């Protein structure tokens, strides 16, 4: 069994996603953020009705990719909402 160690600083927390916006999907977030590097996971939290709970977690393969995504996408607009992108 191989245990993979993930780099520190490669995780992002994205908040202020609009709950009923069609842009707030796994595919849309992956497409938006994958321009900056390989993404290991996207976790979009959804309510029982299927709408976004307004936040998601992304895990990049490198700290540098996460930092670049944060720098470029923090305070950008997605579906009418201003995204807040932070490290976690």
PDB file of N, CA and C in Angstrom:
ATOM      1  N   UNK A   1       0.842  -1.183   0.000  1.00  0.00           N
ATOM      2  CA  UNK A   1       0.000   0.000   0.000  1.00  0.00           C
ATOM      3  C   UNK A   1       0.886   1.245   0.000  1.00  0.00           C
ATOM      4  N   UNK A   2       0.589   2.173  -0.891  1.00  0.00           N
ATOM      5  CA  UNK A   2       1.324   3.420  -0.983  1.00  0.00           C
ATOM      6  C   UNK A   2       0.507   4.531  -0.346  1.00  0.00           C
ATOM      7  N   UNK A   3       1.143   5.286   0.525  1.00  0.00           N
ATOM      8  CA  UNK A   3       0.474   6.422   1.149  1.00  0.00           C
ATOM      9  C   UNK A   3       0.977   7.684   0.470  1.00  0.00           C
ATOM     10  N   UNK A   4       0.048   8.459  -0.058  1.00  0.00           N
ATOM     11  CA  UNK A   4       0.397   9.690  -0.764  1.00  0.00           C
ATOM     12  C   UNK A   4       0.363  10.856   0.213  1.00  0.00           C
ATOM     13  N   UNK A   5       1.436  11.606   0.274  1.00  0.00           N
ATOM     14  CA  UNK A   5       1.490  12.799   1.102  1.00  0.00           C
ATOM     15  C   UNK A   5       1.140  13.998   0.238  1.00  0.00           C
ATOM     16  N   UNK A   6       0.155  14.742   0.665  1.00  0.00           N
ATOM     17  CA  UNK A   6      -0.272  15.902  -0.095  1.00  0.00           C
ATOM     18  C   UNK A   6       0.462  17.143   0.396  1.00  0.00           C
ATOM     19  N   UNK A   7       0.769  18.056  -0.515  1.00  0.00           N
ATOM     20  CA  UNK A   7       1.512  19.246  -0.121  1.00  0.00           C
ATOM     21  C   UNK A   7       0.689  20.190   0.757  1.00  0.00           C
ATOM     22  N   UNK A   8       1.352  20.791   1.734  1.00  0.00           N
ATOM     23  CA  UNK A   8       0.693  21.795   2.562  1.00  0.00           C
ATOM     24  C   UNK A   8       0.406  23.021   1.717  1.00  0.00           C
ATOM     25  N   UNK A   9      -0.727  23.652   1.974  1.00  0.00           N
ATOM     26  CA  UNK A   9      -1.077  24.862   1.243  1.00  0.00           C
ATOM     27  C   UNK A   9      -1.736  24.628  -0.097  1.00  0.00           C
ATOM     28  N   UNK A  10      -2.033  23.379  -0.431  1.00  0.00           N
ATOM     29  CA  UNK A  10      -2.631  23.075  -1.731  1.00  0.00           C
ATOM     30  C   UNK A  10      -4.159  23.016  -1.671  1.00  0.00           C
ATOM     31  N   UNK A  11      -4.745  23.354  -0.520  1.00  0.00           N
ATOM     32  CA  UNK A  11      -6.195  23.299  -0.348  1.00  0.00           C
ATOM     33  C   UNK A  11      -6.799  24.693  -0.329  1.00  0.00           C
ATOM     34  N   UNK A  12      -7.948  24.824  -0.983  1.00  0.00           N
ATOM     35  CA  UNK A  12      -8.654  26.099  -1.005  1.00  0.00           C
ATOM     36  C   UNK A  12     -10.087  25.930  -0.512  1.00  0.00           C
ATOM     37  N   UNK A  13     -10.587  26.979   0.102  1.00  0.00           N
ATOM     38  CA  UNK A  13     -11.964  27.081   0.554  1.00  0.00           C
ATOM     39  C   UNK A  13     -12.595  28.185  -0.283  1.00  0.00           C
ATOM     40  N   UNK A  14     -13.688  27.875  -0.966  1.00  0.00           N
ATOM     41  CA  UNK A  14     -14.380  28.844  -1.813  1.00  0.00           C
ATOM     42  C   UNK A  14     -15.748  29.089  -1.207  1.00  0.00           C
ATOM     43  N   UNK A  15     -16.032  30.351  -0.899  1.00  0.00           N
ATOM     44  CA  UNK A  15     -17.344  30.655  -0.320  1.00  0.00           C
ATOM     45  C   UNK A  15     -18.045  31.751  -1.098  1.00  0.00           C
ATOM     46  N   UNK A  16     -19.296  31.939  -0.769  1.00  0.00           N
ATOM     47  CA  UNK A  16     -20.188  32.900  -1.397  1.00  0.00           C
ATOM     48  C   UNK A  16     -20.704  32.397  -2.746  1.00  0.00           C
ATOM     49  N   UNK A  17     -20.835  31.083  -2.871  1.00  0.00           N
ATOM     50  CA  UNK A  17     -21.453  30.508  -4.064  1.00  0.00           C
ATOM     51  C   UNK A  17     -22.957  30.705  -3.956  1.00  0.00           C
ATOM     52  N   UNK A  18     -23.591  31.038  -5.051  1.00  0.00           N
ATOM     53  CA  UNK A  18     -25.042  31.241  -5.019  1.00  0.00           C
ATOM     54  C   UNK A  18     -25.746  29.880  -5.004  1.00  0.00           C
ATOM     55  N   UNK A  19     -26.670  29.675  -4.063  1.00  0.00           N
ATOM     56  CA  UNK A  19     -27.283  28.355  -3.901  1.00  0.00           C
ATOM     57  C   UNK A  19     -28.100  27.852  -5.084  1.00  0.00           C
ATOM     58  N   UNK A  20     -28.805  28.699  -5.794  1.00  0.00           N
ATOM     59  CA  UNK A  20     -29.662  28.226  -6.876  1.00  0.00           C
ATOM     60  C   UNK A  20     -29.144  28.612  -8.255  1.00  0.00           C
ATOM     61  N   UNK A  21     -27.877  28.931  -8.329  1.00  0.00           N
ATOM     62  CA  UNK A  21     -27.287  29.326  -9.601  1.00  0.00           C
ATOM     63  C   UNK A  21     -26.832  28.102 -10.381  1.00  0.00           C
ATOM     64  N   UNK A  22     -27.133  28.014 -11.673  1.00  0.00           N
ATOM     65  CA  UNK A  22     -26.699  26.852 -12.463  1.00  0.00           C
ATOM     66  C   UNK A  22     -25.186  26.753 -12.617  1.00  0.00           C
ATOM     67  N   UNK A  23     -24.447  27.841 -12.336  1.00  0.00           N
ATOM     68  CA  UNK A  23     -22.991  27.795 -12.415  1.00  0.00           C
ATOM     69  C   UNK A  23     -22.373  27.131 -11.187  1.00  0.00           C
ATOM     70  N   UNK A  24     -23.172  26.937 -10.156  1.00  0.00           N
ATOM     71  CA  UNK A  24     -22.661  26.357  -8.927  1.00  0.00           C
ATOM     72  C   UNK A  24     -22.792  24.836  -8.993  1.00  0.00           C
ATOM     73  N   UNK A  25     -21.950  24.232  -9.815  1.00  0.00           N
ATOM     74  CA  UNK A  25     -21.920  22.781  -9.958  1.00  0.00           C
ATOM     75  C   UNK A  25     -20.484  22.303  -9.832  1.00  0.00           C
ATOM     76  N   UNK A  26     -20.330  21.024  -9.577  1.00  0.00           N
ATOM     77  CA  UNK A  26     -19.004  20.418  -9.516  1.00  0.00           C
ATOM     78  C   UNK A  26     -18.250  20.688 -10.812  1.00  0.00           C
ATOM     79  N   UNK A  27     -18.906  20.437 -11.934  1.00  0.00           N
ATOM     80  CA  UNK A  27     -18.256  20.592 -13.241  1.00  0.00           C
ATOM     81  C   UNK A  27     -17.817  22.030 -13.487  1.00  0.00           C
ATOM     82  N   UNK A  28     -18.658  22.986 -13.136  1.00  0.00           N
ATOM     83  CA  UNK A  28     -18.321  24.389 -13.348  1.00  0.00           C
ATOM     84  C   UNK A  28     -17.140  24.811 -12.476  1.00  0.00           C
ATOM     85  N   UNK A  29     -17.132  24.399 -11.214  1.00  0.00           N
ATOM     86  CA  UNK A  29     -16.006  24.729 -10.339  1.00  0.00           C
ATOM     87  C   UNK A  29     -14.723  24.067 -10.819  1.00  0.00           C
ATOM     88  N   UNK A  30     -14.823  22.806 -11.212  1.00  0.00           N
ATOM     89  CA  UNK A  30     -13.646  22.102 -11.724  1.00  0.00           C
ATOM     90  C   UNK A  30     -13.095  22.814 -12.957  1.00  0.00           C
ATOM     91  N   UNK A  31     -13.974  23.170 -13.873  1.00  0.00           N
ATOM     92  CA  UNK A  31     -13.564  23.851 -15.091  1.00  0.00           C
ATOM     93  C   UNK A  31     -12.900  25.194 -14.786  1.00  0.00           C
ATOM     94  N   UNK A  32     -13.476  25.940 -13.881  1.00  0.00           N
ATOM     95  CA  UNK A  32     -12.953  27.256 -13.530  1.00  0.00           C
ATOM     96  C   UNK A  32     -11.577  27.167 -12.874  1.00  0.00           C
ATOM     97  N   UNK A  33     -11.392  26.231 -11.956  1.00  0.00           N
ATOM     98  CA  UNK A  33     -10.165  26.154 -11.179  1.00  0.00           C
ATOM     99  C   UNK A  33      -9.071  25.298 -11.827  1.00  0.00           C
ATOM    100  N   UNK A  34      -9.422  24.368 -12.693  1.00  0.00           N
ATOM    101  CA  UNK A  34      -8.425  23.453 -13.253  1.00  0.00           C
ATOM    102  C   UNK A  34      -7.463  24.137 -14.224  1.00  0.00           C
ATOM    103  N   UNK A  35      -7.762  25.358 -14.623  1.00  0.00           N
ATOM    104  CA  UNK A  35      -6.841  26.112 -15.478  1.00  0.00           C
ATOM    105  C   UNK A  35      -5.501  26.355 -14.785  1.00  0.00           C
ATOM    106  N   UNK A  36      -5.505  26.265 -13.461  1.00  0.00           N
ATOM    107  CA  UNK A  36      -4.322  26.612 -12.675  1.00  0.00           C
ATOM    108  C   UNK A  36      -3.465  25.408 -12.308  1.00  0.00           C
ATOM    109  N   UNK A  37      -3.966  24.217 -12.564  1.00  0.00           N
ATOM    110  CA  UNK A  37      -3.198  23.021 -12.258  1.00  0.00           C
ATOM    111  C   UNK A  37      -4.095  21.825 -11.988  1.00  0.00           C
ATOM    112  N   UNK A  38      -3.458  20.707 -11.726  1.00  0.00           N
ATOM    113  CA  UNK A  38      -4.183  19.467 -11.473  1.00  0.00           C
ATOM    114  C   UNK A  38      -4.952  19.563 -10.156  1.00  0.00           C
ATOM    115  N   UNK A  39      -6.213  19.151 -10.213  1.00  0.00           N
ATOM    116  CA  UNK A  39      -7.064  19.155  -9.031  1.00  0.00           C
ATOM    117  C   UNK A  39      -7.300  17.712  -8.601  1.00  0.00           C
ATOM    118  N   UNK A  40      -7.030  17.437  -7.336  1.00  0.00           N
ATOM    119  CA  UNK A  40      -7.284  16.102  -6.795  1.00  0.00           C
ATOM    120  C   UNK A  40      -8.743  15.931  -6.402  1.00  0.00           C
ATOM    121  N   UNK A  41      -9.367  16.990  -5.868  1.00  0.00           N
ATOM    122  CA  UNK A  41     -10.772  16.843  -5.477  1.00  0.00           C
ATOM    123  C   UNK A  41     -11.476  18.189  -5.410  1.00  0.00           C
ATOM    124  N   UNK A  42     -12.781  18.129  -5.668  1.00  0.00           N
ATOM    125  CA  UNK A  42     -13.688  19.263  -5.490  1.00  0.00           C
ATOM    126  C   UNK A  42     -14.833  18.744  -4.647  1.00  0.00           C
ATOM    127  N   UNK A  43     -15.076  19.393  -3.526  1.00  0.00           N
ATOM    128  CA  UNK A  43     -16.187  19.005  -2.661  1.00  0.00           C
ATOM    129  C   UNK A  43     -17.136  20.185  -2.547  1.00  0.00           C
ATOM    130  N   UNK A  44     -18.216  20.115  -3.293  1.00  0.00           N
ATOM    131  CA  UNK A  44     -19.253  21.137  -3.266  1.00  0.00           C
ATOM    132  C   UNK A  44     -20.322  20.664  -2.284  1.00  0.00           C
ATOM    133  N   UNK A  45     -20.532  21.410  -1.243  1.00  0.00           N
ATOM    134  CA  UNK A  45     -21.502  20.999  -0.232  1.00  0.00           C
ATOM    135  C   UNK A  45     -22.898  21.424  -0.669  1.00  0.00           C
ATOM    136  N   UNK A  46     -23.824  20.460  -0.646  1.00  0.00           N
ATOM    137  CA  UNK A  46     -25.185  20.721  -1.099  1.00  0.00           C
ATOM    138  C   UNK A  46     -26.194  20.376  -0.009  1.00  0.00           C
ATOM    139  N   UNK A  47     -27.304  21.082  -0.035  1.00  0.00           N
ATOM    140  CA  UNK A  47     -28.410  20.854   0.899  1.00  0.00           C
ATOM    141  C   UNK A  47     -29.275  19.701   0.387  1.00  0.00           C
ATOM    142  N   UNK A  48     -30.240  19.315   1.180  1.00  0.00           N
ATOM    143  CA  UNK A  48     -31.140  18.225   0.817  1.00  0.00           C
ATOM    144  C   UNK A  48     -31.929  18.478  -0.453  1.00  0.00           C
ATOM    145  N   UNK A  49     -32.141  19.745  -0.793  1.00  0.00           N
ATOM    146  CA  UNK A  49     -32.884  20.069  -2.013  1.00  0.00           C
ATOM    147  C   UNK A  49     -31.995  20.093  -3.258  1.00  0.00           C
ATOM    148  N   UNK A  50     -30.702  19.782  -3.085  1.00  0.00           N
ATOM    149  CA  UNK A  50     -29.779  19.729  -4.209  1.00  0.00           C
ATOM    150  C   UNK A  50     -29.069  21.032  -4.517  1.00  0.00           C
ATOM    151  N   UNK A  51     -29.445  22.110  -3.830  1.00  0.00           N
ATOM    152  CA  UNK A  51     -28.792  23.403  -4.050  1.00  0.00           C
ATOM    153  C   UNK A  51     -27.515  23.510  -3.228  1.00  0.00           C
ATOM    154  N   UNK A  52     -26.606  24.308  -3.703  1.00  0.00           N
ATOM    155  CA  UNK A  52     -25.337  24.530  -3.022  1.00  0.00           C
ATOM    156  C   UNK A  52     -25.559  25.151  -1.646  1.00  0.00           C
ATOM    157  N   UNK A  53     -24.721  24.750  -0.692  1.00  0.00           N
ATOM    158  CA  UNK A  53     -24.726  25.388   0.626  1.00  0.00           C
ATOM    159  C   UNK A  53     -23.814  26.614   0.635  1.00  0.00           C
ATOM    160  N   UNK A  54     -23.417  27.057  -0.537  1.00  0.00           N
ATOM    161  CA  UNK A  54     -22.666  28.282  -0.753  1.00  0.00           C
ATOM    162  C   UNK A  54     -21.166  28.179  -0.468  1.00  0.00           C
ATOM    163  N   UNK A  55     -20.635  26.952  -0.347  1.00  0.00           N
ATOM    164  CA  UNK A  55     -19.188  26.820  -0.193  1.00  0.00           C
ATOM    165  C   UNK A  55     -18.706  25.496  -0.763  1.00  0.00           C
ATOM    166  N   UNK A  56     -17.388  25.463  -1.055  1.00  0.00           N
ATOM    167  CA  UNK A  56     -16.767  24.263  -1.604  1.00  0.00           C
ATOM    168  C   UNK A  56     -15.303  24.218  -1.170  1.00  0.00           C
ATOM    169  N   UNK A  57     -14.739  23.025  -1.221  1.00  0.00           N
ATOM    170  CA  UNK A  57     -13.320  22.818  -0.946  1.00  0.00           C
ATOM    171  C   UNK A  57     -12.678  22.241  -2.197  1.00  0.00           C
ATOM    172  N   UNK A  58     -11.486  22.729  -2.513  1.00  0.00           N
ATOM    173  CA  UNK A  58     -10.726  22.197  -3.637  1.00  0.00           C
ATOM    174  C   UNK A  58      -9.338  21.814  -3.164  1.00  0.00           C
ATOM    175  N   UNK A  59      -8.835  20.721  -3.709  1.00  0.00           N
ATOM    176  CA  UNK A  59      -7.500  20.262  -3.363  1.00  0.00           C
ATOM    177  C   UNK A  59      -6.680  20.165  -4.648  1.00  0.00           C
ATOM    178  N   UNK A  60      -5.630  20.970  -4.722  1.00  0.00           N
ATOM    179  CA  UNK A  60      -4.732  20.982  -5.875  1.00  0.00           C
ATOM    180  C   UNK A  60      -3.557  20.043  -5.631  1.00  0.00           C
ATOM    181  N   UNK A  61      -2.868  19.708  -6.688  1.00  0.00           N
ATOM    182  CA  UNK A  61      -1.697  18.834  -6.566  1.00  0.00           C
ATOM    183  C   UNK A  61      -0.480  19.579  -6.029  1.00  0.00           C
ATOM    184  N   UNK A  62      -0.478  20.924  -6.180  1.00  0.00           N
ATOM    185  CA  UNK A  62       0.653  21.707  -5.684  1.00  0.00           C
ATOM    186  C   UNK A  62       0.177  22.972  -4.978  1.00  0.00           C
ATOM    187  N   UNK A  63       0.999  23.437  -4.073  1.00  0.00           N
ATOM    188  CA  UNK A  63       0.725  24.697  -3.374  1.00  0.00           C
ATOM    189  C   UNK A  63       0.717  25.860  -4.369  1.00  0.00           C
ATOM    190  N   UNK A  64       1.624  25.812  -5.332  1.00  0.00           N
ATOM    191  CA  UNK A  64       1.748  26.889  -6.316  1.00  0.00           C
ATOM    192  C   UNK A  64       0.474  27.038  -7.154  1.00  0.00           C
ATOM    193  N   UNK A  65      -0.104  25.930  -7.559  1.00  0.00           N
ATOM    194  CA  UNK A  65      -1.350  25.976  -8.339  1.00  0.00           C
ATOM    195  C   UNK A  65      -2.473  26.578  -7.511  1.00  0.00           C
ATOM    196  N   UNK A  66      -2.563  26.181  -6.244  1.00  0.00           N
ATOM    197  CA  UNK A  66      -3.597  26.718  -5.358  1.00  0.00           C
ATOM    198  C   UNK A  66      -3.409  28.218  -5.152  1.00  0.00           C
ATOM    199  N   UNK A  67      -2.178  28.647  -4.960  1.00  0.00           N
ATOM    200  CA  UNK A  67      -1.903  30.071  -4.758  1.00  0.00           C
ATOM    201  C   UNK A  67      -2.247  30.884  -5.998  1.00  0.00           C
ATOM    202  N   UNK A  68      -1.934  30.359  -7.170  1.00  0.00           N
ATOM    203  CA  UNK A  68      -2.256  31.055  -8.416  1.00  0.00           C
ATOM    204  C   UNK A  68      -3.770  31.170  -8.607  1.00  0.00           C
ATOM    205  N   UNK A  69      -4.491  30.097  -8.320  1.00  0.00           N
ATOM    206  CA  UNK A  69      -5.953  30.125  -8.423  1.00  0.00           C
ATOM    207  C   UNK A  69      -6.531  31.129  -7.439  1.00  0.00           C
ATOM    208  N   UNK A  70      -6.025  31.108  -6.231  1.00  0.00           N
ATOM    209  CA  UNK A  70      -6.500  32.053  -5.212  1.00  0.00           C
ATOM    210  C   UNK A  70      -6.263  33.489  -5.669  1.00  0.00           C
ATOM    211  N   UNK A  71      -5.062  33.763  -6.155  1.00  0.00           N
ATOM    212  CA  UNK A  71      -4.702  35.114  -6.582  1.00  0.00           C
ATOM    213  C   UNK A  71      -5.600  35.589  -7.728  1.00  0.00           C
ATOM    214  N   UNK A  72      -5.870  34.717  -8.686  1.00  0.00           N
ATOM    215  CA  UNK A  72      -6.638  35.121  -9.868  1.00  0.00           C
ATOM    216  C   UNK A  72      -8.155  35.100  -9.666  1.00  0.00           C
ATOM    217  N   UNK A  73      -8.662  34.236  -8.799  1.00  0.00           N
ATOM    218  CA  UNK A  73     -10.113  34.066  -8.698  1.00  0.00           C
ATOM    219  C   UNK A  73     -10.756  34.704  -7.464  1.00  0.00           C
ATOM    220  N   UNK A  74      -9.964  35.092  -6.489  1.00  0.00           N
ATOM    221  CA  UNK A  74     -10.527  35.770  -5.314  1.00  0.00           C
ATOM    222  C   UNK A  74     -11.165  37.083  -5.751  1.00  0.00           C
ATOM    223  N   UNK A  75     -12.399  37.287  -5.354  1.00  0.00           N
ATOM    224  CA  UNK A  75     -13.187  38.484  -5.677  1.00  0.00           C
ATOM    225  C   UNK A  75     -13.637  38.545  -7.132  1.00  0.00           C
ATOM    226  N   UNK A  76     -13.630  37.400  -7.831  1.00  0.00           N
ATOM    227  CA  UNK A  76     -14.205  37.380  -9.182  1.00  0.00           C
ATOM    228  C   UNK A  76     -15.676  36.984  -9.076  1.00  0.00           C
ATOM    229  N   UNK A  77     -16.416  37.200 -10.130  1.00  0.00           N
ATOM    230  CA  UNK A  77     -17.851  36.941 -10.129  1.00  0.00           C
ATOM    231  C   UNK A  77     -18.155  35.611 -10.805  1.00  0.00           C
ATOM    232  N   UNK A  78     -18.965  34.801 -10.124  1.00  0.00           N
ATOM    233  CA  UNK A  78     -19.478  33.549 -10.692  1.00  0.00           C
ATOM    234  C   UNK A  78     -20.973  33.523 -10.448  1.00  0.00           C
ATOM    235  N   UNK A  79     -21.743  33.567 -11.515  1.00  0.00           N
ATOM    236  CA  UNK A  79     -23.195  33.521 -11.382  1.00  0.00           C
ATOM    237  C   UNK A  79     -23.780  34.668 -10.591  1.00  0.00           C
ATOM    238  N   UNK A  80     -23.159  35.830 -10.671  1.00  0.00           N
ATOM    239  CA  UNK A  80     -23.676  36.997  -9.972  1.00  0.00           C
ATOM    240  C   UNK A  80     -23.179  37.151  -8.543  1.00  0.00           C
ATOM    241  N   UNK A  81     -22.387  36.227  -8.061  1.00  0.00           N
ATOM    242  CA  UNK A  81     -21.849  36.304  -6.701  1.00  0.00           C
ATOM    243  C   UNK A  81     -20.346  36.552  -6.758  1.00  0.00           C
ATOM    244  N   UNK A  82     -19.841  37.334  -5.822  1.00  0.00           N
ATOM    245  CA  UNK A  82     -18.410  37.596  -5.743  1.00  0.00           C
ATOM    246  C   UNK A  82     -17.777  36.497  -4.893  1.00  0.00           C
ATOM    247  N   UNK A  83     -16.917  35.700  -5.524  1.00  0.00           N
ATOM    248  CA  UNK A  83     -16.286  34.575  -4.837  1.00  0.00           C
ATOM    249  C   UNK A  83     -15.248  35.049  -3.830  1.00  0.00           C
ATOM    250  N   UNK A  84     -15.162  34.324  -2.744  1.00  0.00           N
ATOM    251  CA  UNK A  84     -14.088  34.507  -1.783  1.00  0.00           C
ATOM    252  C   UNK A  84     -13.303  33.205  -1.763  1.00  0.00           C
ATOM    253  N   UNK A  85     -12.027  33.296  -2.099  1.00  0.00           N
ATOM    254  CA  UNK A  85     -11.165  32.118  -2.198  1.00  0.00           C
ATOM    255  C   UNK A  85     -10.066  32.262  -1.147  1.00  0.00           C
ATOM    256  N   UNK A  86      -9.982  31.274  -0.264  1.00  0.00           N
ATOM    257  CA  UNK A  86      -9.027  31.334   0.836  1.00  0.00           C
ATOM    258  C   UNK A  86      -8.318  29.985   0.983  1.00  0.00           C
ATOM    259  N   UNK A  87      -7.159  30.011   1.609  1.00  0.00           N
ATOM    260  CA  UNK A  87      -6.478  28.765   1.963  1.00  0.00           C
ATOM    261  C   UNK A  87      -7.183  28.147   3.163  1.00  0.00           C
ATOM    262  N   UNK A  88      -7.081  26.831   3.240  1.00  0.00           N
ATOM    263  CA  UNK A  88      -7.524  26.169   4.478  1.00  0.00           C
ATOM    264  C   UNK A  88      -6.598  25.024   4.778  1.00  0.00           C
TER     265      UNK A  88
END
